[in-house]
N, C-alpha and C. Protein backbone atom coordinates (compact mmCIF):
# COMPACT_ATOMS: atom_id res chain seq x y z
N MET A 1 -0.09 125.40 131.37
CA MET A 1 -0.50 125.70 130.02
C MET A 1 -0.55 124.43 129.16
N LEU A 2 0.47 123.59 129.31
CA LEU A 2 0.51 122.34 128.55
C LEU A 2 -0.64 121.43 128.94
N PHE A 3 -0.91 121.36 130.24
CA PHE A 3 -2.00 120.51 130.72
C PHE A 3 -3.34 121.00 130.18
N MET A 4 -3.52 122.31 130.13
CA MET A 4 -4.78 122.86 129.61
C MET A 4 -4.95 122.55 128.13
N SER A 5 -3.88 122.66 127.36
CA SER A 5 -4.00 122.38 125.93
C SER A 5 -4.23 120.89 125.67
N LEU A 6 -3.58 120.02 126.46
CA LEU A 6 -3.83 118.59 126.31
C LEU A 6 -5.26 118.23 126.70
N THR A 7 -5.76 118.84 127.76
CA THR A 7 -7.14 118.60 128.19
C THR A 7 -8.12 119.08 127.13
N LEU A 8 -7.86 120.26 126.59
CA LEU A 8 -8.73 120.80 125.54
C LEU A 8 -8.69 119.91 124.29
N SER A 9 -7.53 119.41 123.94
CA SER A 9 -7.41 118.51 122.78
C SER A 9 -8.17 117.22 123.00
N LEU A 10 -8.06 116.66 124.19
CA LEU A 10 -8.78 115.43 124.51
C LEU A 10 -10.29 115.67 124.47
N MET A 11 -10.73 116.79 125.03
CA MET A 11 -12.16 117.10 125.02
C MET A 11 -12.66 117.30 123.59
N LEU A 12 -11.87 117.95 122.75
CA LEU A 12 -12.26 118.15 121.36
C LEU A 12 -12.34 116.81 120.62
N CYS A 13 -11.39 115.92 120.86
CA CYS A 13 -11.43 114.59 120.22
C CYS A 13 -12.66 113.82 120.65
N LEU A 14 -12.96 113.84 121.93
CA LEU A 14 -14.14 113.13 122.42
C LEU A 14 -15.42 113.73 121.86
N LEU A 15 -15.48 115.05 121.78
CA LEU A 15 -16.65 115.71 121.20
C LEU A 15 -16.83 115.33 119.74
N LEU A 16 -15.75 115.30 118.97
CA LEU A 16 -15.86 114.94 117.56
C LEU A 16 -16.25 113.48 117.38
N MET A 17 -15.73 112.58 118.22
CA MET A 17 -16.13 111.17 118.13
C MET A 17 -17.60 111.01 118.49
N TRP A 18 -18.08 111.72 119.50
CA TRP A 18 -19.49 111.65 119.88
C TRP A 18 -20.36 112.20 118.76
N LEU A 19 -19.95 113.32 118.17
CA LEU A 19 -20.71 113.92 117.08
C LEU A 19 -20.77 112.98 115.88
N TYR A 20 -19.66 112.33 115.56
CA TYR A 20 -19.65 111.38 114.45
C TYR A 20 -20.58 110.21 114.73
N SER A 21 -20.56 109.69 115.95
CA SER A 21 -21.39 108.52 116.25
C SER A 21 -22.88 108.87 116.24
N THR A 22 -23.24 110.10 116.55
CA THR A 22 -24.65 110.46 116.53
C THR A 22 -25.15 110.83 115.14
N VAL A 23 -24.28 111.37 114.30
CA VAL A 23 -24.71 111.85 112.99
C VAL A 23 -24.50 110.81 111.89
N SER A 24 -23.60 109.87 112.09
CA SER A 24 -23.22 108.94 111.02
C SER A 24 -24.37 108.04 110.60
N TYR A 25 -24.26 107.56 109.38
CA TYR A 25 -25.24 106.67 108.80
C TYR A 25 -25.03 105.28 109.37
N LYS A 26 -26.06 104.73 109.96
CA LYS A 26 -25.96 103.40 110.54
C LYS A 26 -26.58 102.39 109.58
N THR A 27 -25.80 101.38 109.20
CA THR A 27 -26.31 100.36 108.30
C THR A 27 -27.00 99.27 109.10
N SER A 28 -28.07 98.81 108.56
CA SER A 28 -28.80 97.72 109.20
C SER A 28 -28.25 96.40 108.70
N SER A 29 -28.01 95.48 109.61
CA SER A 29 -27.49 94.18 109.20
C SER A 29 -28.58 93.35 108.53
N LYS A 30 -29.85 93.75 108.68
CA LYS A 30 -30.94 93.00 108.07
C LYS A 30 -31.00 93.23 106.56
N ILE A 31 -30.71 94.44 106.13
CA ILE A 31 -30.84 94.78 104.72
C ILE A 31 -29.44 95.07 104.18
N ILE A 32 -28.81 94.04 103.64
CA ILE A 32 -27.45 94.17 103.11
C ILE A 32 -27.45 94.92 101.79
N SER A 33 -28.50 94.77 100.99
CA SER A 33 -28.50 95.38 99.66
C SER A 33 -28.49 96.90 99.72
N LYS A 34 -28.94 97.49 100.82
CA LYS A 34 -28.92 98.94 100.93
C LYS A 34 -27.50 99.46 101.11
N ALA A 35 -26.63 98.66 101.66
CA ALA A 35 -25.25 99.08 101.87
C ALA A 35 -24.36 98.78 100.66
N SER A 36 -24.84 97.98 99.71
CA SER A 36 -24.03 97.63 98.54
C SER A 36 -24.16 98.69 97.46
N GLY A 37 -23.30 98.59 96.47
CA GLY A 37 -23.33 99.53 95.36
C GLY A 37 -24.54 99.30 94.47
N PHE A 38 -25.03 100.36 93.86
CA PHE A 38 -26.20 100.26 92.99
C PHE A 38 -25.73 100.12 91.55
N GLU A 39 -26.19 99.06 90.90
CA GLU A 39 -25.81 98.81 89.52
C GLU A 39 -27.07 98.54 88.71
N CYS A 40 -27.76 99.59 88.32
CA CYS A 40 -28.96 99.52 87.48
C CYS A 40 -30.03 98.60 88.07
N GLY A 41 -30.10 98.50 89.36
CA GLY A 41 -31.13 97.69 90.00
C GLY A 41 -30.82 96.22 90.07
N PHE A 42 -29.71 95.78 89.52
CA PHE A 42 -29.33 94.37 89.53
C PHE A 42 -28.16 94.16 90.47
N GLU A 43 -28.02 92.95 90.92
CA GLU A 43 -26.84 92.60 91.71
C GLU A 43 -25.62 92.58 90.80
N GLY A 44 -24.50 93.00 91.30
CA GLY A 44 -23.28 93.01 90.51
C GLY A 44 -22.85 91.60 90.15
N TYR A 45 -22.26 91.45 88.97
CA TYR A 45 -21.82 90.13 88.52
C TYR A 45 -20.58 89.65 89.27
N MET A 46 -19.71 90.58 89.60
CA MET A 46 -18.50 90.19 90.31
C MET A 46 -18.07 91.33 91.22
N LYS A 47 -17.24 90.99 92.15
CA LYS A 47 -16.70 92.01 93.05
C LYS A 47 -15.66 92.83 92.28
N MET A 48 -15.82 94.12 92.30
CA MET A 48 -14.90 94.98 91.56
C MET A 48 -13.69 95.40 92.39
N ARG A 49 -13.70 95.09 93.66
CA ARG A 49 -12.57 95.48 94.50
C ARG A 49 -11.48 94.43 94.41
N ARG A 50 -10.39 94.83 93.80
CA ARG A 50 -9.22 93.96 93.72
C ARG A 50 -8.18 94.49 94.69
N PRO A 51 -7.54 93.62 95.42
CA PRO A 51 -6.56 94.12 96.40
C PRO A 51 -5.32 94.68 95.71
N PHE A 52 -4.78 95.73 96.30
CA PHE A 52 -3.53 96.31 95.82
C PHE A 52 -2.37 95.61 96.49
N SER A 53 -1.25 95.66 95.84
CA SER A 53 -0.04 95.10 96.40
C SER A 53 0.43 96.00 97.55
N VAL A 54 0.89 95.39 98.61
CA VAL A 54 1.41 96.15 99.75
C VAL A 54 2.66 96.90 99.35
N ARG A 55 3.43 96.34 98.44
CA ARG A 55 4.65 97.01 97.98
C ARG A 55 4.32 98.32 97.26
N TYR A 56 3.16 98.36 96.61
CA TYR A 56 2.74 99.61 95.96
C TYR A 56 2.52 100.70 97.01
N PHE A 57 1.85 100.36 98.11
CA PHE A 57 1.62 101.34 99.15
C PHE A 57 2.92 101.78 99.80
N VAL A 58 3.87 100.87 99.96
CA VAL A 58 5.18 101.23 100.51
C VAL A 58 5.87 102.22 99.58
N LEU A 59 5.78 101.97 98.28
CA LEU A 59 6.40 102.88 97.32
C LEU A 59 5.74 104.25 97.36
N VAL A 60 4.43 104.30 97.51
CA VAL A 60 3.72 105.57 97.58
C VAL A 60 4.12 106.34 98.84
N ILE A 61 4.22 105.65 99.96
CA ILE A 61 4.62 106.31 101.21
C ILE A 61 6.05 106.84 101.08
N LEU A 62 6.94 106.05 100.49
CA LEU A 62 8.31 106.51 100.30
C LEU A 62 8.35 107.73 99.39
N PHE A 63 7.54 107.73 98.34
CA PHE A 63 7.49 108.89 97.45
C PHE A 63 7.02 110.13 98.21
N LEU A 64 5.99 109.98 99.04
CA LEU A 64 5.50 111.12 99.80
C LEU A 64 6.54 111.66 100.77
N ILE A 65 7.26 110.75 101.42
CA ILE A 65 8.30 111.19 102.36
C ILE A 65 9.38 111.98 101.62
N PHE A 66 9.86 111.45 100.51
CA PHE A 66 10.90 112.15 99.76
C PHE A 66 10.38 113.45 99.15
N ASP A 67 9.13 113.46 98.75
CA ASP A 67 8.54 114.66 98.18
C ASP A 67 8.45 115.77 99.23
N VAL A 68 8.01 115.43 100.42
CA VAL A 68 7.90 116.43 101.49
C VAL A 68 9.28 116.95 101.87
N GLU A 69 10.25 116.06 101.93
CA GLU A 69 11.59 116.50 102.31
C GLU A 69 12.22 117.39 101.24
N THR A 70 11.94 117.13 99.98
CA THR A 70 12.48 118.02 98.95
C THR A 70 11.75 119.36 98.95
N VAL A 71 10.47 119.36 99.28
CA VAL A 71 9.74 120.63 99.39
C VAL A 71 10.29 121.45 100.55
N LEU A 72 10.76 120.79 101.59
CA LEU A 72 11.35 121.51 102.72
C LEU A 72 12.67 122.18 102.35
N LEU A 73 13.29 121.76 101.28
CA LEU A 73 14.53 122.39 100.85
C LEU A 73 14.31 123.75 100.18
N PHE A 74 13.16 123.99 99.58
CA PHE A 74 12.93 125.24 98.85
C PHE A 74 13.01 126.49 99.73
N PRO A 75 12.42 126.52 100.93
CA PRO A 75 12.61 127.72 101.76
C PRO A 75 14.07 127.94 102.14
N CYS A 76 14.81 126.87 102.31
CA CYS A 76 16.23 127.02 102.64
C CYS A 76 16.98 127.69 101.49
N LEU A 77 16.62 127.36 100.27
CA LEU A 77 17.29 127.96 99.12
C LEU A 77 16.94 129.44 98.99
N SER A 78 15.71 129.81 99.34
CA SER A 78 15.35 131.23 99.26
C SER A 78 16.05 132.03 100.35
N VAL A 79 16.31 131.43 101.50
CA VAL A 79 17.03 132.12 102.57
C VAL A 79 18.50 132.27 102.19
N MET A 80 19.03 131.31 101.45
CA MET A 80 20.44 131.35 101.08
C MET A 80 20.77 132.53 100.16
N THR A 81 19.76 133.08 99.47
CA THR A 81 20.04 134.22 98.60
C THR A 81 20.36 135.48 99.41
N GLU A 82 19.85 135.55 100.66
CA GLU A 82 20.13 136.71 101.51
C GLU A 82 21.56 136.70 102.02
N GLY A 83 22.06 135.55 102.25
CA GLY A 83 23.42 135.43 102.76
C GLY A 83 23.70 133.98 103.11
N LEU A 84 24.91 133.56 102.88
CA LEU A 84 25.26 132.17 103.12
C LEU A 84 25.65 132.00 104.59
N LYS A 85 24.84 131.25 105.30
CA LYS A 85 25.13 130.99 106.71
C LYS A 85 25.62 129.55 106.83
N MET A 86 26.63 129.38 107.62
CA MET A 86 27.25 128.06 107.73
C MET A 86 26.30 127.04 108.36
N SER A 87 25.51 127.46 109.34
CA SER A 87 24.58 126.52 109.98
C SER A 87 23.52 126.04 108.99
N LEU A 88 23.09 126.93 108.10
CA LEU A 88 22.10 126.55 107.09
C LEU A 88 22.70 125.55 106.10
N VAL A 89 23.92 125.78 105.70
CA VAL A 89 24.59 124.86 104.77
C VAL A 89 24.76 123.49 105.42
N VAL A 90 25.14 123.47 106.69
CA VAL A 90 25.32 122.19 107.40
C VAL A 90 23.99 121.47 107.51
N ASN A 91 22.92 122.19 107.82
CA ASN A 91 21.60 121.57 107.93
C ASN A 91 21.12 121.01 106.60
N ILE A 92 21.34 121.74 105.52
CA ILE A 92 20.93 121.26 104.20
C ILE A 92 21.73 120.02 103.82
N LEU A 93 23.03 120.05 104.05
CA LEU A 93 23.86 118.88 103.73
C LEU A 93 23.47 117.68 104.58
N LEU A 94 23.15 117.91 105.85
CA LEU A 94 22.71 116.81 106.72
C LEU A 94 21.40 116.21 106.22
N LEU A 95 20.47 117.07 105.80
CA LEU A 95 19.21 116.58 105.26
C LEU A 95 19.43 115.77 103.98
N LEU A 96 20.31 116.25 103.11
CA LEU A 96 20.60 115.52 101.87
C LEU A 96 21.30 114.20 102.14
N VAL A 97 22.18 114.16 103.13
CA VAL A 97 22.85 112.90 103.48
C VAL A 97 21.84 111.90 104.02
N ILE A 98 20.92 112.36 104.87
CA ILE A 98 19.88 111.46 105.39
C ILE A 98 19.01 110.94 104.26
N LEU A 99 18.66 111.81 103.30
CA LEU A 99 17.88 111.37 102.15
C LEU A 99 18.63 110.33 101.33
N MET A 100 19.90 110.56 101.08
CA MET A 100 20.68 109.62 100.28
C MET A 100 20.87 108.28 100.99
N VAL A 101 21.10 108.31 102.30
CA VAL A 101 21.24 107.05 103.05
C VAL A 101 19.93 106.27 103.01
N GLY A 102 18.81 106.97 103.17
CA GLY A 102 17.51 106.31 103.08
C GLY A 102 17.25 105.73 101.70
N LEU A 103 17.61 106.48 100.67
CA LEU A 103 17.42 106.00 99.30
C LEU A 103 18.29 104.78 99.02
N LEU A 104 19.54 104.81 99.46
CA LEU A 104 20.43 103.65 99.25
C LEU A 104 19.93 102.43 100.02
N TYR A 105 19.41 102.63 101.22
CA TYR A 105 18.87 101.51 102.00
C TYR A 105 17.67 100.90 101.29
N GLU A 106 16.78 101.74 100.77
CA GLU A 106 15.60 101.23 100.06
C GLU A 106 15.99 100.54 98.77
N TRP A 107 16.99 101.06 98.07
CA TRP A 107 17.45 100.44 96.83
C TRP A 107 18.10 99.10 97.13
N LYS A 108 18.89 99.01 98.20
CA LYS A 108 19.57 97.77 98.56
C LYS A 108 18.57 96.67 98.93
N ASN A 109 17.48 97.02 99.59
CA ASN A 109 16.49 96.04 100.02
C ASN A 109 15.37 95.84 99.01
N ASN A 110 15.54 96.33 97.79
CA ASN A 110 14.56 96.19 96.69
C ASN A 110 13.17 96.69 97.07
N MET A 111 13.12 97.77 97.83
CA MET A 111 11.83 98.34 98.20
C MET A 111 11.27 99.22 97.08
N LEU A 112 12.10 99.61 96.14
CA LEU A 112 11.65 100.48 95.07
C LEU A 112 11.03 99.70 93.91
N ASP A 113 11.14 98.38 93.91
CA ASP A 113 10.56 97.54 92.87
C ASP A 113 9.24 97.00 93.38
N TRP A 114 8.13 97.58 92.92
CA TRP A 114 6.83 97.18 93.44
C TRP A 114 6.09 96.20 92.53
N THR A 115 6.70 95.76 91.45
CA THR A 115 6.02 94.85 90.53
C THR A 115 6.08 93.40 90.98
N ASN A 116 7.03 93.05 91.79
CA ASN A 116 7.16 91.64 92.23
C ASN A 116 6.15 91.30 93.29
């Protein structure tokens, strides 16, 4: 069963890559202006793409990780209203300890300061 699902997944990935390569827009290297942005028929005065700080992306990824983990706590709280189970309490406390250790590690290594 596992082999069949892996084979099916591989075949689906290959099919989607083939479909993308046949349908996608191919840019010609001869005509660069067709691939550039259109600005009232004139060439742009300057490049508008400014690079972002890598620390900003690290902060965004950290925010998403913590956000997802806190969202995972909400179903646990709704289950706790039915009855307090010791295994659930231990799992919630373990998740919170892992979150706090991660937060302290990021704070110690100045990963939360993205302005520098």
